[in-house]
């Protein structure tokens, strides 16, 4: 079951009347992996960034982007969210910044599946 938890946020004020609030979310789900003809559901973590445009104190626009299944390791994704917040990354640049990490971390899912299969065999 997909869950979304806000981890942190940051605020940018451009000229006093235009303000952006960036909200960074951890997306939690599961992903099915097939190893040796066995299906294993492993944890899956992704990121969503939501940008709220505030004009003269009123929400004028909401825009967001999301990448599911970046890694099966929550700690990696939480560190990445902190990096995104520290650098005030907008949703427009989410794929540019996170895409390379997601490509590197794709092996995490297979490793998690193998570890789960091994622990089930020992039980």
N, C-alpha and C. Protein backbone atom coordinates (compact mmCIF):
# COMPACT_ATOMS: atom_id res chain seq x y z
N UNK A 1 0.84 -1.17 0.00
CA UNK A 1 0.00 0.00 0.00
C UNK A 1 0.89 1.25 0.00
N UNK A 2 0.65 2.13 -0.90
CA UNK A 2 1.44 3.34 -1.05
C UNK A 2 1.16 4.31 0.10
N UNK A 3 2.25 4.80 0.70
CA UNK A 3 2.14 5.82 1.74
C UNK A 3 3.02 7.00 1.37
N UNK A 4 2.60 8.18 1.73
CA UNK A 4 3.34 9.40 1.44
C UNK A 4 3.49 10.17 2.74
N UNK A 5 4.76 10.47 3.11
CA UNK A 5 5.03 11.19 4.36
C UNK A 5 5.87 12.42 4.06
N UNK A 6 5.42 13.58 4.52
CA UNK A 6 6.22 14.78 4.36
C UNK A 6 7.41 14.70 5.30
N UNK A 7 8.60 14.89 4.74
CA UNK A 7 9.83 14.80 5.52
C UNK A 7 10.33 16.19 5.91
N UNK A 8 10.29 17.12 4.98
CA UNK A 8 10.80 18.46 5.26
C UNK A 8 10.26 19.44 4.21
N UNK A 9 10.56 20.72 4.42
CA UNK A 9 10.14 21.73 3.47
C UNK A 9 11.11 22.90 3.54
N UNK A 10 11.05 23.76 2.55
CA UNK A 10 11.83 25.00 2.57
C UNK A 10 11.02 26.07 1.87
N UNK A 11 11.40 27.31 2.11
CA UNK A 11 10.64 28.46 1.62
C UNK A 11 11.59 29.40 0.87
N UNK A 12 11.16 29.84 -0.30
CA UNK A 12 11.89 30.84 -1.10
C UNK A 12 11.00 32.05 -1.28
N UNK A 13 11.53 33.23 -0.98
CA UNK A 13 10.79 34.46 -1.22
C UNK A 13 11.55 35.23 -2.29
N UNK A 14 10.86 35.52 -3.41
CA UNK A 14 11.53 36.14 -4.54
C UNK A 14 11.59 37.65 -4.45
N UNK A 15 10.47 38.32 -4.30
CA UNK A 15 10.51 39.79 -4.25
C UNK A 15 9.57 40.35 -3.19
N UNK A 16 9.25 39.55 -2.22
CA UNK A 16 8.36 40.01 -1.16
C UNK A 16 6.91 39.62 -1.38
N UNK A 17 6.47 39.55 -2.64
CA UNK A 17 5.08 39.19 -2.91
C UNK A 17 4.97 37.79 -3.51
N UNK A 18 6.08 37.26 -4.03
CA UNK A 18 6.08 35.91 -4.61
C UNK A 18 6.89 34.99 -3.70
N UNK A 19 6.25 33.90 -3.33
CA UNK A 19 6.88 32.96 -2.41
C UNK A 19 6.65 31.55 -2.92
N UNK A 20 7.68 30.71 -2.82
CA UNK A 20 7.56 29.30 -3.14
C UNK A 20 7.83 28.49 -1.88
N UNK A 21 6.97 27.52 -1.64
CA UNK A 21 7.23 26.54 -0.58
C UNK A 21 7.43 25.20 -1.27
N UNK A 22 8.58 24.59 -1.03
CA UNK A 22 8.87 23.26 -1.57
C UNK A 22 8.67 22.25 -0.44
N UNK A 23 7.85 21.25 -0.70
CA UNK A 23 7.61 20.19 0.28
C UNK A 23 8.18 18.89 -0.28
N UNK A 24 8.92 18.18 0.55
CA UNK A 24 9.62 16.96 0.14
C UNK A 24 9.01 15.77 0.87
N UNK A 25 8.58 14.79 0.09
CA UNK A 25 7.86 13.63 0.63
C UNK A 25 8.63 12.34 0.36
N UNK A 26 8.56 11.44 1.31
CA UNK A 26 9.03 10.07 1.13
C UNK A 26 7.83 9.23 0.69
N UNK A 27 7.98 8.51 -0.40
CA UNK A 27 6.94 7.61 -0.90
C UNK A 27 7.34 6.19 -0.51
N UNK A 28 6.48 5.51 0.22
CA UNK A 28 6.74 4.13 0.65
C UNK A 28 5.76 3.20 -0.03
N UNK A 29 6.30 2.11 -0.58
CA UNK A 29 5.47 1.12 -1.26
C UNK A 29 6.23 -0.20 -1.26
N UNK A 30 5.74 -1.16 -2.01
CA UNK A 30 6.46 -2.41 -2.24
C UNK A 30 6.60 -2.62 -3.74
N UNK A 31 7.59 -3.40 -4.08
CA UNK A 31 7.85 -3.71 -5.49
C UNK A 31 8.06 -5.22 -5.58
N UNK A 32 7.40 -5.85 -6.54
CA UNK A 32 7.56 -7.29 -6.73
C UNK A 32 8.77 -7.57 -7.61
N UNK A 33 9.63 -8.46 -7.12
CA UNK A 33 10.84 -8.87 -7.82
C UNK A 33 10.77 -10.38 -8.00
N UNK A 34 11.14 -10.86 -9.17
CA UNK A 34 11.19 -12.30 -9.43
C UNK A 34 12.65 -12.74 -9.35
N UNK A 35 12.94 -13.65 -8.42
CA UNK A 35 14.28 -14.23 -8.26
C UNK A 35 14.11 -15.75 -8.28
N UNK A 36 14.80 -16.42 -9.18
CA UNK A 36 14.71 -17.89 -9.29
C UNK A 36 13.26 -18.36 -9.35
N UNK A 37 12.50 -17.70 -10.16
CA UNK A 37 11.08 -18.01 -10.38
C UNK A 37 10.21 -17.84 -9.13
N UNK A 38 10.72 -17.11 -8.13
CA UNK A 38 9.94 -16.82 -6.93
C UNK A 38 9.70 -15.32 -6.87
N UNK A 39 8.46 -14.97 -6.58
CA UNK A 39 8.10 -13.56 -6.45
C UNK A 39 8.32 -13.12 -5.01
N UNK A 40 9.02 -12.00 -4.87
CA UNK A 40 9.30 -11.45 -3.55
C UNK A 40 8.89 -9.98 -3.56
N UNK A 41 8.14 -9.56 -2.55
CA UNK A 41 7.77 -8.15 -2.42
C UNK A 41 8.78 -7.48 -1.50
N UNK A 42 9.50 -6.50 -2.05
CA UNK A 42 10.51 -5.79 -1.28
C UNK A 42 10.06 -4.35 -1.04
N UNK A 43 10.58 -3.73 0.02
CA UNK A 43 10.24 -2.32 0.25
C UNK A 43 10.73 -1.46 -0.91
N UNK A 44 10.00 -0.41 -1.16
CA UNK A 44 10.33 0.50 -2.25
C UNK A 44 10.11 1.93 -1.76
N UNK A 45 11.11 2.79 -2.00
CA UNK A 45 11.03 4.17 -1.53
C UNK A 45 11.28 5.12 -2.69
N UNK A 46 10.49 6.17 -2.73
CA UNK A 46 10.63 7.18 -3.77
C UNK A 46 10.50 8.57 -3.16
N UNK A 47 10.48 9.56 -4.04
CA UNK A 47 10.46 10.96 -3.61
C UNK A 47 9.40 11.72 -4.40
N UNK A 48 8.70 12.60 -3.71
CA UNK A 48 7.83 13.56 -4.37
C UNK A 48 8.20 14.95 -3.87
N UNK A 49 8.23 15.89 -4.80
CA UNK A 49 8.44 17.30 -4.43
C UNK A 49 7.20 18.06 -4.90
N UNK A 50 6.64 18.82 -4.00
CA UNK A 50 5.48 19.65 -4.30
C UNK A 50 5.88 21.11 -4.14
N UNK A 51 5.61 21.92 -5.16
CA UNK A 51 5.90 23.36 -5.11
C UNK A 51 4.57 24.11 -4.98
N UNK A 52 4.48 24.92 -3.95
CA UNK A 52 3.31 25.76 -3.73
C UNK A 52 3.70 27.20 -4.01
N UNK A 53 3.06 27.80 -4.98
CA UNK A 53 3.29 29.21 -5.31
C UNK A 53 2.31 30.05 -4.52
N UNK A 54 2.86 31.01 -3.78
CA UNK A 54 2.02 31.89 -2.97
C UNK A 54 2.22 33.31 -3.47
N UNK A 55 1.12 33.93 -3.88
CA UNK A 55 1.14 35.33 -4.32
C UNK A 55 0.32 36.15 -3.36
N UNK A 56 0.92 37.17 -2.80
CA UNK A 56 0.24 38.06 -1.86
C UNK A 56 -0.48 37.30 -0.75
N UNK A 57 0.18 36.27 -0.24
CA UNK A 57 -0.35 35.51 0.88
C UNK A 57 -1.36 34.43 0.54
N UNK A 58 -1.68 34.23 -0.75
CA UNK A 58 -2.67 33.24 -1.16
C UNK A 58 -2.02 32.19 -2.07
N UNK A 59 -2.40 30.93 -1.89
CA UNK A 59 -1.91 29.87 -2.79
C UNK A 59 -2.46 30.11 -4.18
N UNK A 60 -1.55 30.26 -5.14
CA UNK A 60 -1.94 30.54 -6.52
C UNK A 60 -1.78 29.32 -7.41
N UNK A 61 -0.87 28.40 -7.04
CA UNK A 61 -0.60 27.25 -7.90
C UNK A 61 0.09 26.17 -7.10
N UNK A 62 -0.19 24.92 -7.45
CA UNK A 62 0.50 23.76 -6.89
C UNK A 62 1.05 22.95 -8.07
N UNK A 63 2.29 22.52 -7.96
CA UNK A 63 2.89 21.70 -9.00
C UNK A 63 3.79 20.68 -8.33
N UNK A 64 3.72 19.44 -8.76
CA UNK A 64 4.55 18.41 -8.17
C UNK A 64 5.06 17.40 -9.18
N UNK A 65 6.13 16.76 -8.80
CA UNK A 65 6.70 15.65 -9.56
C UNK A 65 7.06 14.56 -8.57
N UNK A 66 7.02 13.30 -9.06
CA UNK A 66 7.28 12.17 -8.19
C UNK A 66 8.07 11.11 -8.92
N UNK A 67 9.00 10.50 -8.23
CA UNK A 67 9.72 9.33 -8.73
C UNK A 67 9.51 8.21 -7.73
N UNK A 68 8.84 7.17 -8.15
CA UNK A 68 8.63 5.99 -7.30
C UNK A 68 9.83 5.05 -7.45
N UNK A 69 9.99 4.19 -6.48
CA UNK A 69 10.94 3.07 -6.57
C UNK A 69 12.36 3.51 -6.92
N UNK A 70 12.91 4.42 -6.13
CA UNK A 70 14.29 4.84 -6.32
C UNK A 70 15.24 3.82 -5.70
N UNK A 71 14.88 3.31 -4.52
CA UNK A 71 15.71 2.34 -3.82
C UNK A 71 14.85 1.54 -2.85
N UNK A 72 15.39 0.39 -2.44
CA UNK A 72 14.72 -0.40 -1.39
C UNK A 72 15.30 -0.05 -0.02
N UNK A 73 16.23 0.88 0.00
CA UNK A 73 16.88 1.30 1.24
C UNK A 73 16.39 2.69 1.64
N UNK A 74 15.59 2.75 2.70
CA UNK A 74 15.00 4.00 3.12
C UNK A 74 16.04 5.06 3.45
N UNK A 75 17.12 4.65 4.11
CA UNK A 75 18.15 5.60 4.51
C UNK A 75 18.74 6.37 3.34
N UNK A 76 18.99 5.68 2.24
CA UNK A 76 19.53 6.34 1.05
C UNK A 76 18.58 7.42 0.54
N UNK A 77 17.31 7.08 0.50
CA UNK A 77 16.32 8.00 -0.04
C UNK A 77 16.12 9.19 0.91
N UNK A 78 16.14 8.94 2.22
CA UNK A 78 16.02 10.04 3.18
C UNK A 78 17.21 11.00 3.08
N UNK A 79 18.42 10.47 2.89
CA UNK A 79 19.59 11.32 2.70
C UNK A 79 19.46 12.15 1.43
N UNK A 80 18.93 11.54 0.39
CA UNK A 80 18.73 12.25 -0.87
C UNK A 80 17.69 13.37 -0.71
N UNK A 81 16.64 13.11 0.06
CA UNK A 81 15.63 14.15 0.32
C UNK A 81 16.27 15.33 1.04
N UNK A 82 17.12 15.06 2.02
CA UNK A 82 17.80 16.14 2.74
C UNK A 82 18.69 16.95 1.79
N UNK A 83 19.37 16.26 0.89
CA UNK A 83 20.20 16.95 -0.10
C UNK A 83 19.34 17.86 -0.98
N UNK A 84 18.20 17.34 -1.42
CA UNK A 84 17.29 18.13 -2.27
C UNK A 84 16.80 19.37 -1.53
N UNK A 85 16.43 19.19 -0.26
CA UNK A 85 15.96 20.34 0.54
C UNK A 85 17.08 21.35 0.75
N UNK A 86 18.26 20.87 1.11
CA UNK A 86 19.39 21.77 1.37
C UNK A 86 19.73 22.61 0.14
N UNK A 87 19.48 22.06 -1.04
CA UNK A 87 19.77 22.76 -2.30
C UNK A 87 18.53 23.36 -2.94
N UNK A 88 17.41 23.34 -2.20
CA UNK A 88 16.15 23.93 -2.63
C UNK A 88 15.76 23.51 -4.05
N UNK A 89 15.84 22.19 -4.28
CA UNK A 89 15.52 21.65 -5.61
C UNK A 89 14.01 21.68 -5.81
N UNK A 90 13.61 22.22 -6.95
CA UNK A 90 12.19 22.31 -7.30
C UNK A 90 11.76 21.01 -7.98
N UNK A 91 10.45 20.77 -8.07
CA UNK A 91 9.98 19.56 -8.74
C UNK A 91 10.40 19.49 -10.20
N UNK A 92 10.61 20.64 -10.82
CA UNK A 92 11.00 20.68 -12.23
C UNK A 92 12.33 19.95 -12.44
N UNK A 93 13.20 19.98 -11.44
CA UNK A 93 14.54 19.40 -11.58
C UNK A 93 14.69 18.04 -10.89
N UNK A 94 13.60 17.49 -10.37
CA UNK A 94 13.68 16.23 -9.64
C UNK A 94 14.31 15.13 -10.48
N UNK A 95 13.82 14.90 -11.68
CA UNK A 95 14.33 13.82 -12.53
C UNK A 95 15.80 14.06 -12.88
N UNK A 96 16.16 15.31 -13.17
CA UNK A 96 17.55 15.62 -13.51
C UNK A 96 18.51 15.26 -12.38
N UNK A 97 18.11 15.58 -11.17
CA UNK A 97 18.98 15.37 -10.01
C UNK A 97 18.95 13.91 -9.53
N UNK A 98 17.78 13.31 -9.48
CA UNK A 98 17.62 11.99 -8.87
C UNK A 98 17.76 10.85 -9.88
N UNK A 99 17.55 11.12 -11.14
CA UNK A 99 17.58 10.06 -12.15
C UNK A 99 18.83 9.21 -12.15
N UNK A 100 19.98 9.84 -12.03
CA UNK A 100 21.25 9.11 -12.03
C UNK A 100 21.36 8.20 -10.81
N UNK A 101 20.95 8.73 -9.65
CA UNK A 101 20.97 7.91 -8.42
C UNK A 101 20.03 6.70 -8.56
N UNK A 102 18.86 6.93 -9.11
CA UNK A 102 17.89 5.85 -9.29
C UNK A 102 18.48 4.76 -10.18
N UNK A 103 19.21 5.16 -11.23
CA UNK A 103 19.86 4.18 -12.10
C UNK A 103 20.92 3.39 -11.35
N UNK A 104 21.69 4.06 -10.49
CA UNK A 104 22.72 3.39 -9.70
C UNK A 104 22.12 2.44 -8.67
N UNK A 105 21.01 2.85 -8.08
CA UNK A 105 20.43 2.10 -6.96
C UNK A 105 19.45 1.01 -7.38
N UNK A 106 19.24 0.80 -8.66
CA UNK A 106 18.29 -0.22 -9.11
C UNK A 106 18.69 -1.61 -8.59
N UNK A 107 19.98 -1.85 -8.40
CA UNK A 107 20.43 -3.14 -7.88
C UNK A 107 19.99 -3.38 -6.44
N UNK A 108 19.65 -2.33 -5.72
CA UNK A 108 19.19 -2.48 -4.33
C UNK A 108 17.99 -3.41 -4.25
N UNK A 109 17.11 -3.36 -5.24
CA UNK A 109 15.89 -4.18 -5.20
C UNK A 109 16.23 -5.66 -5.31
N UNK A 110 17.14 -6.01 -6.21
CA UNK A 110 17.53 -7.41 -6.36
C UNK A 110 18.24 -7.90 -5.10
N UNK A 111 19.12 -7.08 -4.54
CA UNK A 111 19.81 -7.46 -3.31
C UNK A 111 18.83 -7.66 -2.16
N UNK A 112 17.84 -6.79 -2.05
CA UNK A 112 16.83 -6.92 -0.99
C UNK A 112 16.02 -8.20 -1.19
N UNK A 113 15.66 -8.49 -2.43
CA UNK A 113 14.88 -9.70 -2.73
C UNK A 113 15.69 -10.95 -2.37
N UNK A 114 16.96 -10.98 -2.74
CA UNK A 114 17.81 -12.13 -2.41
C UNK A 114 17.94 -12.29 -0.90
N UNK A 115 18.09 -11.18 -0.19
CA UNK A 115 18.19 -11.23 1.27
C UNK A 115 16.90 -11.76 1.90
N UNK A 116 15.76 -11.31 1.39
CA UNK A 116 14.47 -11.81 1.91
C UNK A 116 14.30 -13.29 1.64
N UNK A 117 14.66 -13.74 0.44
CA UNK A 117 14.56 -15.17 0.11
C UNK A 117 15.46 -16.00 1.03
N UNK A 118 16.66 -15.49 1.28
CA UNK A 118 17.60 -16.19 2.15
C UNK A 118 17.05 -16.29 3.57
N UNK A 119 16.47 -15.19 4.07
CA UNK A 119 15.92 -15.22 5.43
C UNK A 119 14.69 -16.12 5.52
N UNK A 120 13.90 -16.21 4.44
CA UNK A 120 12.74 -17.12 4.44
C UNK A 120 13.20 -18.58 4.43
N UNK A 121 14.30 -18.86 3.76
CA UNK A 121 14.81 -20.22 3.70
C UNK A 121 15.36 -20.66 5.05
N UNK A 122 15.89 -19.71 5.82
CA UNK A 122 16.44 -20.02 7.13
C UNK A 122 15.36 -20.18 8.19
N UNK A 123 14.18 -19.63 7.93
CA UNK A 123 13.10 -19.67 8.92
C UNK A 123 12.43 -21.01 9.00
